């Protein structure tokens, strides 16, 4: 893929950037450099490379799965008159 000065002018129009000729030339050179680097990366053979989830070979330390709080719903629902079958009843909001 190549990028030309007309493409830079079009991008400037879309993004509402007011770049003078020198800035457009600089931007064009930078974009061409980026596209060249991407093309080089696409040419690298990655067939035998295993994808990584993290650059360091570490396992995540996890805490023990222990119950620390108990369900006391019935105790809390004794404080309200508007509960039924373990659920709180609320007024209708949308007609």
PDB file of N, CA and C in Angstrom:
ATOM      1  N   UNK A   1       0.851  -1.177   0.000  1.00  0.00           N
ATOM      2  CA  UNK A   1       0.000   0.000   0.000  1.00  0.00           C
ATOM      3  C   UNK A   1       0.892   1.235   0.000  1.00  0.00           C
ATOM      4  N   UNK A   2       0.537   2.186  -0.807  1.00  0.00           N
ATOM      5  CA  UNK A   2       1.278   3.437  -0.853  1.00  0.00           C
ATOM      6  C   UNK A   2       0.346   4.574  -0.477  1.00  0.00           C
ATOM      7  N   UNK A   3       0.938   5.606   0.013  1.00  0.00           N
ATOM      8  CA  UNK A   3       0.182   6.793   0.391  1.00  0.00           C
ATOM      9  C   UNK A   3       0.789   7.982  -0.344  1.00  0.00           C
ATOM     10  N   UNK A   4      -0.065   8.840  -0.830  1.00  0.00           N
ATOM     11  CA  UNK A   4       0.388   9.986  -1.609  1.00  0.00           C
ATOM     12  C   UNK A   4      -0.068  11.274  -0.966  1.00  0.00           C
ATOM     13  N   UNK A   5       0.406  12.372  -1.502  1.00  0.00           N
ATOM     14  CA  UNK A   5       0.084  13.681  -0.941  1.00  0.00           C
ATOM     15  C   UNK A   5      -1.423  13.945  -1.004  1.00  0.00           C
ATOM     16  N   UNK A   6      -2.090  13.462  -2.046  1.00  0.00           N
ATOM     17  CA  UNK A   6      -3.545  13.652  -2.147  1.00  0.00           C
ATOM     18  C   UNK A   6      -4.262  12.921  -1.006  1.00  0.00           C
ATOM     19  N   UNK A   7      -3.710  11.772  -0.584  1.00  0.00           N
ATOM     20  CA  UNK A   7      -4.292  11.045   0.553  1.00  0.00           C
ATOM     21  C   UNK A   7      -4.155  11.857   1.840  1.00  0.00           C
ATOM     22  N   UNK A   8      -3.012  12.499   2.010  1.00  0.00           N
ATOM     23  CA  UNK A   8      -2.784  13.341   3.197  1.00  0.00           C
ATOM     24  C   UNK A   8      -3.750  14.516   3.183  1.00  0.00           C
ATOM     25  N   UNK A   9      -3.939  15.131   2.041  1.00  0.00           N
ATOM     26  CA  UNK A   9      -4.879  16.253   1.939  1.00  0.00           C
ATOM     27  C   UNK A   9      -6.292  15.791   2.256  1.00  0.00           C
ATOM     28  N   UNK A  10      -6.650  14.608   1.777  1.00  0.00           N
ATOM     29  CA  UNK A  10      -7.977  14.058   2.062  1.00  0.00           C
ATOM     30  C   UNK A  10      -8.150  13.793   3.559  1.00  0.00           C
ATOM     31  N   UNK A  11      -7.140  13.200   4.192  1.00  0.00           N
ATOM     32  CA  UNK A  11      -7.193  12.956   5.640  1.00  0.00           C
ATOM     33  C   UNK A  11      -7.294  14.256   6.422  1.00  0.00           C
ATOM     34  N   UNK A  12      -6.557  15.268   5.983  1.00  0.00           N
ATOM     35  CA  UNK A  12      -6.623  16.576   6.654  1.00  0.00           C
ATOM     36  C   UNK A  12      -8.030  17.160   6.547  1.00  0.00           C
ATOM     37  N   UNK A  13      -8.656  16.988   5.393  1.00  0.00           N
ATOM     38  CA  UNK A  13     -10.021  17.475   5.224  1.00  0.00           C
ATOM     39  C   UNK A  13     -11.003  16.730   6.116  1.00  0.00           C
ATOM     40  N   UNK A  14     -10.849  15.404   6.204  1.00  0.00           N
ATOM     41  CA  UNK A  14     -11.749  14.609   7.036  1.00  0.00           C
ATOM     42  C   UNK A  14     -11.597  14.926   8.518  1.00  0.00           C
ATOM     43  N   UNK A  15     -10.352  15.145   8.934  1.00  0.00           N
ATOM     44  CA  UNK A  15     -10.092  15.374  10.356  1.00  0.00           C
ATOM     45  C   UNK A  15     -10.069  16.854  10.722  1.00  0.00           C
ATOM     46  N   UNK A  16     -10.343  17.708   9.755  1.00  0.00           N
ATOM     47  CA  UNK A  16     -10.385  19.167   9.975  1.00  0.00           C
ATOM     48  C   UNK A  16      -9.066  19.702  10.501  1.00  0.00           C
ATOM     49  N   UNK A  17      -7.960  19.149   9.970  1.00  0.00           N
ATOM     50  CA  UNK A  17      -6.630  19.633  10.329  1.00  0.00           C
ATOM     51  C   UNK A  17      -6.168  20.652   9.299  1.00  0.00           C
ATOM     52  N   UNK A  18      -5.639  21.752   9.777  1.00  0.00           N
ATOM     53  CA  UNK A  18      -5.088  22.766   8.889  1.00  0.00           C
ATOM     54  C   UNK A  18      -3.570  22.645   8.907  1.00  0.00           C
ATOM     55  N   UNK A  19      -3.028  21.840   8.007  1.00  0.00           N
ATOM     56  CA  UNK A  19      -1.594  21.647   7.932  1.00  0.00           C
ATOM     57  C   UNK A  19      -1.057  22.390   6.712  1.00  0.00           C
ATOM     58  N   UNK A  20       0.059  23.093   6.905  1.00  0.00           N
ATOM     59  CA  UNK A  20       0.674  23.743   5.754  1.00  0.00           C
ATOM     60  C   UNK A  20       1.455  22.718   4.941  1.00  0.00           C
ATOM     61  N   UNK A  21       2.048  23.162   3.840  1.00  0.00           N
ATOM     62  CA  UNK A  21       2.738  22.245   2.931  1.00  0.00           C
ATOM     63  C   UNK A  21       3.881  21.491   3.622  1.00  0.00           C
ATOM     64  N   UNK A  22       4.626  22.180   4.459  1.00  0.00           N
ATOM     65  CA  UNK A  22       5.756  21.544   5.146  1.00  0.00           C
ATOM     66  C   UNK A  22       5.274  20.457   6.105  1.00  0.00           C
ATOM     67  N   UNK A  23       4.205  20.747   6.851  1.00  0.00           N
ATOM     68  CA  UNK A  23       3.657  19.767   7.789  1.00  0.00           C
ATOM     69  C   UNK A  23       3.057  18.570   7.046  1.00  0.00           C
ATOM     70  N   UNK A  24       2.431  18.832   5.909  1.00  0.00           N
ATOM     71  CA  UNK A  24       1.880  17.734   5.115  1.00  0.00           C
ATOM     72  C   UNK A  24       2.990  16.837   4.590  1.00  0.00           C
ATOM     73  N   UNK A  25       4.104  17.436   4.155  1.00  0.00           N
ATOM     74  CA  UNK A  25       5.237  16.646   3.671  1.00  0.00           C
ATOM     75  C   UNK A  25       5.821  15.802   4.795  1.00  0.00           C
ATOM     76  N   UNK A  26       5.956  16.392   5.971  1.00  0.00           N
ATOM     77  CA  UNK A  26       6.467  15.665   7.127  1.00  0.00           C
ATOM     78  C   UNK A  26       5.533  14.503   7.474  1.00  0.00           C
ATOM     79  N   UNK A  27       4.232  14.783   7.488  1.00  0.00           N
ATOM     80  CA  UNK A  27       3.233  13.764   7.789  1.00  0.00           C
ATOM     81  C   UNK A  27       3.269  12.649   6.750  1.00  0.00           C
ATOM     82  N   UNK A  28       3.429  13.007   5.479  1.00  0.00           N
ATOM     83  CA  UNK A  28       3.520  12.024   4.409  1.00  0.00           C
ATOM     84  C   UNK A  28       4.724  11.115   4.608  1.00  0.00           C
ATOM     85  N   UNK A  29       5.876  11.701   4.939  1.00  0.00           N
ATOM     86  CA  UNK A  29       7.083  10.903   5.186  1.00  0.00           C
ATOM     87  C   UNK A  29       6.892   9.961   6.367  1.00  0.00           C
ATOM     88  N   UNK A  30       6.265  10.454   7.411  1.00  0.00           N
ATOM     89  CA  UNK A  30       6.034   9.623   8.591  1.00  0.00           C
ATOM     90  C   UNK A  30       5.078   8.468   8.276  1.00  0.00           C
ATOM     91  N   UNK A  31       4.031   8.749   7.538  1.00  0.00           N
ATOM     92  CA  UNK A  31       3.076   7.697   7.176  1.00  0.00           C
ATOM     93  C   UNK A  31       3.728   6.654   6.267  1.00  0.00           C
ATOM     94  N   UNK A  32       4.550   7.102   5.322  1.00  0.00           N
ATOM     95  CA  UNK A  32       5.249   6.171   4.447  1.00  0.00           C
ATOM     96  C   UNK A  32       6.211   5.302   5.251  1.00  0.00           C
ATOM     97  N   UNK A  33       6.858   5.884   6.237  1.00  0.00           N
ATOM     98  CA  UNK A  33       7.768   5.136   7.089  1.00  0.00           C
ATOM     99  C   UNK A  33       7.012   4.074   7.898  1.00  0.00           C
ATOM    100  N   UNK A  34       5.865   4.440   8.405  1.00  0.00           N
ATOM    101  CA  UNK A  34       5.048   3.500   9.180  1.00  0.00           C
ATOM    102  C   UNK A  34       4.584   2.345   8.297  1.00  0.00           C
ATOM    103  N   UNK A  35       4.115   2.671   7.101  1.00  0.00           N
ATOM    104  CA  UNK A  35       3.655   1.625   6.185  1.00  0.00           C
ATOM    105  C   UNK A  35       4.800   0.716   5.761  1.00  0.00           C
ATOM    106  N   UNK A  36       5.991   1.274   5.597  1.00  0.00           N
ATOM    107  CA  UNK A  36       7.167   0.466   5.252  1.00  0.00           C
ATOM    108  C   UNK A  36       7.492  -0.511   6.382  1.00  0.00           C
ATOM    109  N   UNK A  37       7.417  -0.022   7.622  1.00  0.00           N
ATOM    110  CA  UNK A  37       7.689  -0.880   8.772  1.00  0.00           C
ATOM    111  C   UNK A  37       6.654  -2.002   8.862  1.00  0.00           C
ATOM    112  N   UNK A  38       5.396  -1.686   8.616  1.00  0.00           N
ATOM    113  CA  UNK A  38       4.347  -2.706   8.653  1.00  0.00           C
ATOM    114  C   UNK A  38       4.587  -3.752   7.577  1.00  0.00           C
ATOM    115  N   UNK A  39       5.000  -3.316   6.395  1.00  0.00           N
ATOM    116  CA  UNK A  39       5.289  -4.255   5.314  1.00  0.00           C
ATOM    117  C   UNK A  39       6.440  -5.186   5.702  1.00  0.00           C
ATOM    118  N   UNK A  40       7.468  -4.642   6.361  1.00  0.00           N
ATOM    119  CA  UNK A  40       8.590  -5.468   6.823  1.00  0.00           C
ATOM    120  C   UNK A  40       8.119  -6.489   7.850  1.00  0.00           C
ATOM    121  N   UNK A  41       7.235  -6.062   8.748  1.00  0.00           N
ATOM    122  CA  UNK A  41       6.719  -6.986   9.764  1.00  0.00           C
ATOM    123  C   UNK A  41       5.890  -8.098   9.141  1.00  0.00           C
ATOM    124  N   UNK A  42       5.152  -7.779   8.085  1.00  0.00           N
ATOM    125  CA  UNK A  42       4.343  -8.795   7.423  1.00  0.00           C
ATOM    126  C   UNK A  42       5.204  -9.858   6.744  1.00  0.00           C
ATOM    127  N   UNK A  43       6.427  -9.514   6.383  1.00  0.00           N
ATOM    128  CA  UNK A  43       7.316 -10.449   5.703  1.00  0.00           C
ATOM    129  C   UNK A  43       8.025 -11.412   6.654  1.00  0.00           C
ATOM    130  N   UNK A  44       7.957 -11.154   7.952  1.00  0.00           N
ATOM    131  CA  UNK A  44       8.630 -12.011   8.932  1.00  0.00           C
ATOM    132  C   UNK A  44       7.895 -13.342   9.040  1.00  0.00           C
ATOM    133  N   UNK A  45       8.670 -14.434   9.010  1.00  0.00           N
ATOM    134  CA  UNK A  45       8.088 -15.767   9.123  1.00  0.00           C
ATOM    135  C   UNK A  45       7.778 -16.054  10.593  1.00  0.00           C
ATOM    136  N   UNK A  46       6.510 -16.184  10.914  1.00  0.00           N
ATOM    137  CA  UNK A  46       6.081 -16.461  12.293  1.00  0.00           C
ATOM    138  C   UNK A  46       5.425 -17.829  12.417  1.00  0.00           C
ATOM    139  N   UNK A  47       5.714 -18.704  11.484  1.00  0.00           N
ATOM    140  CA  UNK A  47       5.073 -20.021  11.450  1.00  0.00           C
ATOM    141  C   UNK A  47       5.323 -20.827  12.723  1.00  0.00           C
ATOM    142  N   UNK A  48       6.555 -20.825  13.226  1.00  0.00           N
ATOM    143  CA  UNK A  48       6.893 -21.640  14.393  1.00  0.00           C
ATOM    144  C   UNK A  48       6.838 -20.866  15.711  1.00  0.00           C
ATOM    145  N   UNK A  49       6.274 -19.682  15.690  1.00  0.00           N
ATOM    146  CA  UNK A  49       6.205 -18.858  16.895  1.00  0.00           C
ATOM    147  C   UNK A  49       4.899 -19.143  17.622  1.00  0.00           C
ATOM    148  N   UNK A  50       5.012 -19.427  18.906  1.00  0.00           N
ATOM    149  CA  UNK A  50       3.834 -19.699  19.728  1.00  0.00           C
ATOM    150  C   UNK A  50       3.297 -18.364  20.263  1.00  0.00           C
ATOM    151  N   UNK A  51       2.012 -18.087  20.070  1.00  0.00           N
ATOM    152  CA  UNK A  51       1.442 -16.830  20.584  1.00  0.00           C
ATOM    153  C   UNK A  51       1.553 -16.765  22.101  1.00  0.00           C
ATOM    154  N   UNK A  52       1.791 -15.572  22.606  1.00  0.00           N
ATOM    155  CA  UNK A  52       1.942 -15.380  24.048  1.00  0.00           C
ATOM    156  C   UNK A  52       0.772 -14.578  24.597  1.00  0.00           C
ATOM    157  N   UNK A  53       0.351 -14.912  25.782  1.00  0.00           N
ATOM    158  CA  UNK A  53      -0.656 -14.123  26.473  1.00  0.00           C
ATOM    159  C   UNK A  53       0.017 -13.051  27.315  1.00  0.00           C
ATOM    160  N   UNK A  54       1.270 -13.301  27.688  1.00  0.00           N
ATOM    161  CA  UNK A  54       2.016 -12.369  28.534  1.00  0.00           C
ATOM    162  C   UNK A  54       3.497 -12.574  28.243  1.00  0.00           C
ATOM    163  N   UNK A  55       4.293 -11.518  28.215  1.00  0.00           N
ATOM    164  CA  UNK A  55       5.711 -11.689  27.883  1.00  0.00           C
ATOM    165  C   UNK A  55       6.517 -12.442  28.936  1.00  0.00           C
ATOM    166  N   UNK A  56       6.036 -12.503  30.147  1.00  0.00           N
ATOM    167  CA  UNK A  56       6.733 -13.232  31.203  1.00  0.00           C
ATOM    168  C   UNK A  56       6.026 -14.561  31.447  1.00  0.00           C
ATOM    169  N   UNK A  57       6.787 -15.609  31.583  1.00  0.00           N
ATOM    170  CA  UNK A  57       6.202 -16.924  31.823  1.00  0.00           C
ATOM    171  C   UNK A  57       5.867 -17.054  33.308  1.00  0.00           C
ATOM    172  N   UNK A  58       4.733 -16.517  33.682  1.00  0.00           N
ATOM    173  CA  UNK A  58       4.313 -16.532  35.082  1.00  0.00           C
ATOM    174  C   UNK A  58       2.915 -17.138  35.170  1.00  0.00           C
ATOM    175  N   UNK A  59       2.618 -17.699  36.305  1.00  0.00           N
ATOM    176  CA  UNK A  59       1.248 -18.133  36.539  1.00  0.00           C
ATOM    177  C   UNK A  59       0.634 -17.159  37.538  1.00  0.00           C
ATOM    178  N   UNK A  60      -0.647 -16.971  37.390  1.00  0.00           N
ATOM    179  CA  UNK A  60      -1.328 -16.020  38.249  1.00  0.00           C
ATOM    180  C   UNK A  60      -1.572 -16.628  39.621  1.00  0.00           C
ATOM    181  N   UNK A  61      -1.206 -15.858  40.645  1.00  0.00           N
ATOM    182  CA  UNK A  61      -1.449 -16.333  42.004  1.00  0.00           C
ATOM    183  C   UNK A  61      -2.912 -16.091  42.346  1.00  0.00           C
ATOM    184  N   UNK A  62      -3.590 -17.127  42.731  1.00  0.00           N
ATOM    185  CA  UNK A  62      -5.005 -17.030  43.055  1.00  0.00           C
ATOM    186  C   UNK A  62      -5.211 -17.357  44.527  1.00  0.00           C
ATOM    187  N   UNK A  63      -6.162 -16.700  45.121  1.00  0.00           N
ATOM    188  CA  UNK A  63      -6.479 -16.992  46.520  1.00  0.00           C
ATOM    189  C   UNK A  63      -7.382 -18.212  46.586  1.00  0.00           C
ATOM    190  N   UNK A  64      -7.442 -18.807  47.744  1.00  0.00           N
ATOM    191  CA  UNK A  64      -8.332 -19.939  47.949  1.00  0.00           C
ATOM    192  C   UNK A  64      -9.779 -19.466  47.840  1.00  0.00           C
ATOM    193  N   UNK A  65     -10.605 -20.265  47.250  1.00  0.00           N
ATOM    194  CA  UNK A  65     -12.011 -19.935  47.086  1.00  0.00           C
ATOM    195  C   UNK A  65     -12.770 -20.377  48.330  1.00  0.00           C
ATOM    196  N   UNK A  66     -12.858 -19.473  49.290  1.00  0.00           N
ATOM    197  CA  UNK A  66     -13.512 -19.776  50.559  1.00  0.00           C
ATOM    198  C   UNK A  66     -14.694 -18.844  50.765  1.00  0.00           C
ATOM    199  N   UNK A  67     -15.739 -19.355  51.360  1.00  0.00           N
ATOM    200  CA  UNK A  67     -16.899 -18.535  51.684  1.00  0.00           C
ATOM    201  C   UNK A  67     -16.545 -17.674  52.891  1.00  0.00           C
ATOM    202  N   UNK A  68     -16.656 -16.366  52.739  1.00  0.00           N
ATOM    203  CA  UNK A  68     -16.334 -15.456  53.844  1.00  0.00           C
ATOM    204  C   UNK A  68     -17.581 -14.774  54.395  1.00  0.00           C
ATOM    205  N   UNK A  69     -18.637 -14.739  53.606  1.00  0.00           N
ATOM    206  CA  UNK A  69     -19.898 -14.152  54.060  1.00  0.00           C
ATOM    207  C   UNK A  69     -21.020 -15.125  53.752  1.00  0.00           C
ATOM    208  N   UNK A  70     -22.000 -15.129  54.585  1.00  0.00           N
ATOM    209  CA  UNK A  70     -23.101 -16.064  54.427  1.00  0.00           C
ATOM    210  C   UNK A  70     -24.363 -15.319  54.002  1.00  0.00           C
ATOM    211  N   UNK A  71     -25.251 -16.028  53.336  1.00  0.00           N
ATOM    212  CA  UNK A  71     -26.493 -15.455  52.860  1.00  0.00           C
ATOM    213  C   UNK A  71     -27.414 -15.187  54.046  1.00  0.00           C
ATOM    214  N   UNK A  72     -27.686 -13.928  54.323  1.00  0.00           N
ATOM    215  CA  UNK A  72     -28.581 -13.550  55.416  1.00  0.00           C
ATOM    216  C   UNK A  72     -29.773 -12.766  54.877  1.00  0.00           C
ATOM    217  N   UNK A  73     -30.221 -13.167  53.670  1.00  0.00           N
ATOM    218  CA  UNK A  73     -31.313 -12.463  53.011  1.00  0.00           C
ATOM    219  C   UNK A  73     -32.559 -12.413  53.886  1.00  0.00           C
ATOM    220  N   UNK A  74     -32.919 -13.515  54.496  1.00  0.00           N
ATOM    221  CA  UNK A  74     -34.138 -13.536  55.314  1.00  0.00           C
ATOM    222  C   UNK A  74     -34.040 -12.559  56.473  1.00  0.00           C
ATOM    223  N   UNK A  75     -32.879 -12.450  57.068  1.00  0.00           N
ATOM    224  CA  UNK A  75     -32.676 -11.509  58.172  1.00  0.00           C
ATOM    225  C   UNK A  75     -32.872 -10.072  57.699  1.00  0.00           C
ATOM    226  N   UNK A  76     -32.328  -9.754  56.526  1.00  0.00           N
ATOM    227  CA  UNK A  76     -32.430  -8.390  55.997  1.00  0.00           C
ATOM    228  C   UNK A  76     -33.851  -8.084  55.519  1.00  0.00           C
ATOM    229  N   UNK A  77     -34.532  -9.078  54.972  1.00  0.00           N
ATOM    230  CA  UNK A  77     -35.870  -8.817  54.457  1.00  0.00           C
ATOM    231  C   UNK A  77     -36.916  -8.710  55.558  1.00  0.00           C
ATOM    232  N   UNK A  78     -36.559  -9.021  56.774  1.00  0.00           N
ATOM    233  CA  UNK A  78     -37.474  -8.798  57.888  1.00  0.00           C
ATOM    234  C   UNK A  78     -37.673  -7.310  58.143  1.00  0.00           C
ATOM    235  N   UNK A  79     -36.761  -6.489  57.653  1.00  0.00           N
ATOM    236  CA  UNK A  79     -36.823  -5.047  57.865  1.00  0.00           C
ATOM    237  C   UNK A  79     -37.737  -4.337  56.871  1.00  0.00           C
ATOM    238  N   UNK A  80     -38.330  -5.059  55.938  1.00  0.00           N
ATOM    239  CA  UNK A  80     -39.195  -4.429  54.944  1.00  0.00           C
ATOM    240  C   UNK A  80     -40.534  -5.147  54.868  1.00  0.00           C
ATOM    241  N   UNK A  81     -41.544  -4.399  54.465  1.00  0.00           N
ATOM    242  CA  UNK A  81     -42.865  -4.990  54.275  1.00  0.00           C
ATOM    243  C   UNK A  81     -43.071  -5.396  52.818  1.00  0.00           C
ATOM    244  N   UNK A  82     -42.158  -4.987  51.951  1.00  0.00           N
ATOM    245  CA  UNK A  82     -42.371  -5.223  50.521  1.00  0.00           C
ATOM    246  C   UNK A  82     -41.398  -6.266  49.971  1.00  0.00           C
ATOM    247  N   UNK A  83     -41.520  -7.488  50.475  1.00  0.00           N
ATOM    248  CA  UNK A  83     -40.752  -8.598  49.917  1.00  0.00           C
ATOM    249  C   UNK A  83     -41.668  -9.802  49.804  1.00  0.00           C
ATOM    250  N   UNK A  84     -41.344 -10.651  48.824  1.00  0.00           N
ATOM    251  CA  UNK A  84     -42.170 -11.831  48.601  1.00  0.00           C
ATOM    252  C   UNK A  84     -41.309 -12.911  47.968  1.00  0.00           C
ATOM    253  N   UNK A  85     -41.334 -14.096  48.519  1.00  0.00           N
ATOM    254  CA  UNK A  85     -40.588 -15.246  48.005  1.00  0.00           C
ATOM    255  C   UNK A  85     -39.090 -14.961  47.879  1.00  0.00           C
ATOM    256  N   UNK A  86     -38.531 -14.188  48.803  1.00  0.00           N
ATOM    257  CA  UNK A  86     -37.098 -13.906  48.788  1.00  0.00           C
ATOM    258  C   UNK A  86     -36.697 -12.757  47.891  1.00  0.00           C
ATOM    259  N   UNK A  87     -37.663 -12.058  47.283  1.00  0.00           N
ATOM    260  CA  UNK A  87     -37.371 -10.928  46.415  1.00  0.00           C
ATOM    261  C   UNK A  87     -37.976  -9.659  46.988  1.00  0.00           C
ATOM    262  N   UNK A  88     -37.349  -8.518  46.707  1.00  0.00           N
ATOM    263  CA  UNK A  88     -37.908  -7.229  47.091  1.00  0.00           C
ATOM    264  C   UNK A  88     -38.912  -6.789  46.034  1.00  0.00           C
ATOM    265  N   UNK A  89     -40.060  -6.284  46.479  1.00  0.00           N
ATOM    266  CA  UNK A  89     -41.044  -5.758  45.548  1.00  0.00           C
ATOM    267  C   UNK A  89     -40.814  -4.247  45.448  1.00  0.00           C
ATOM    268  N   UNK A  90     -40.771  -3.768  44.211  1.00  0.00           N
ATOM    269  CA  UNK A  90     -40.549  -2.354  43.967  1.00  0.00           C
ATOM    270  C   UNK A  90     -41.705  -1.815  43.141  1.00  0.00           C
ATOM    271  N   UNK A  91     -41.967  -0.507  43.255  1.00  0.00           N
ATOM    272  CA  UNK A  91     -43.053   0.058  42.463  1.00  0.00           C
ATOM    273  C   UNK A  91     -42.728   0.034  40.968  1.00  0.00           C
ATOM    274  N   UNK A  92     -43.784  -0.041  40.168  1.00  0.00           N
ATOM    275  CA  UNK A  92     -43.618  -0.066  38.721  1.00  0.00           C
ATOM    276  C   UNK A  92     -43.067   1.276  38.279  1.00  0.00           C
ATOM    277  N   UNK A  93     -42.043   1.266  37.444  1.00  0.00           N
ATOM    278  CA  UNK A  93     -41.379   2.490  36.996  1.00  0.00           C
ATOM    279  C   UNK A  93     -41.802   2.860  35.580  1.00  0.00           C
ATOM    280  N   UNK A  94     -41.931   1.870  34.717  1.00  0.00           N
ATOM    281  CA  UNK A  94     -42.272   2.111  33.333  1.00  0.00           C
ATOM    282  C   UNK A  94     -43.651   1.565  33.035  1.00  0.00           C
ATOM    283  N   UNK A  95     -44.472   2.369  32.387  1.00  0.00           N
ATOM    284  CA  UNK A  95     -45.823   1.919  32.020  1.00  0.00           C
ATOM    285  C   UNK A  95     -45.792   1.103  30.759  1.00  0.00           C
TER     286      UNK A  95
END
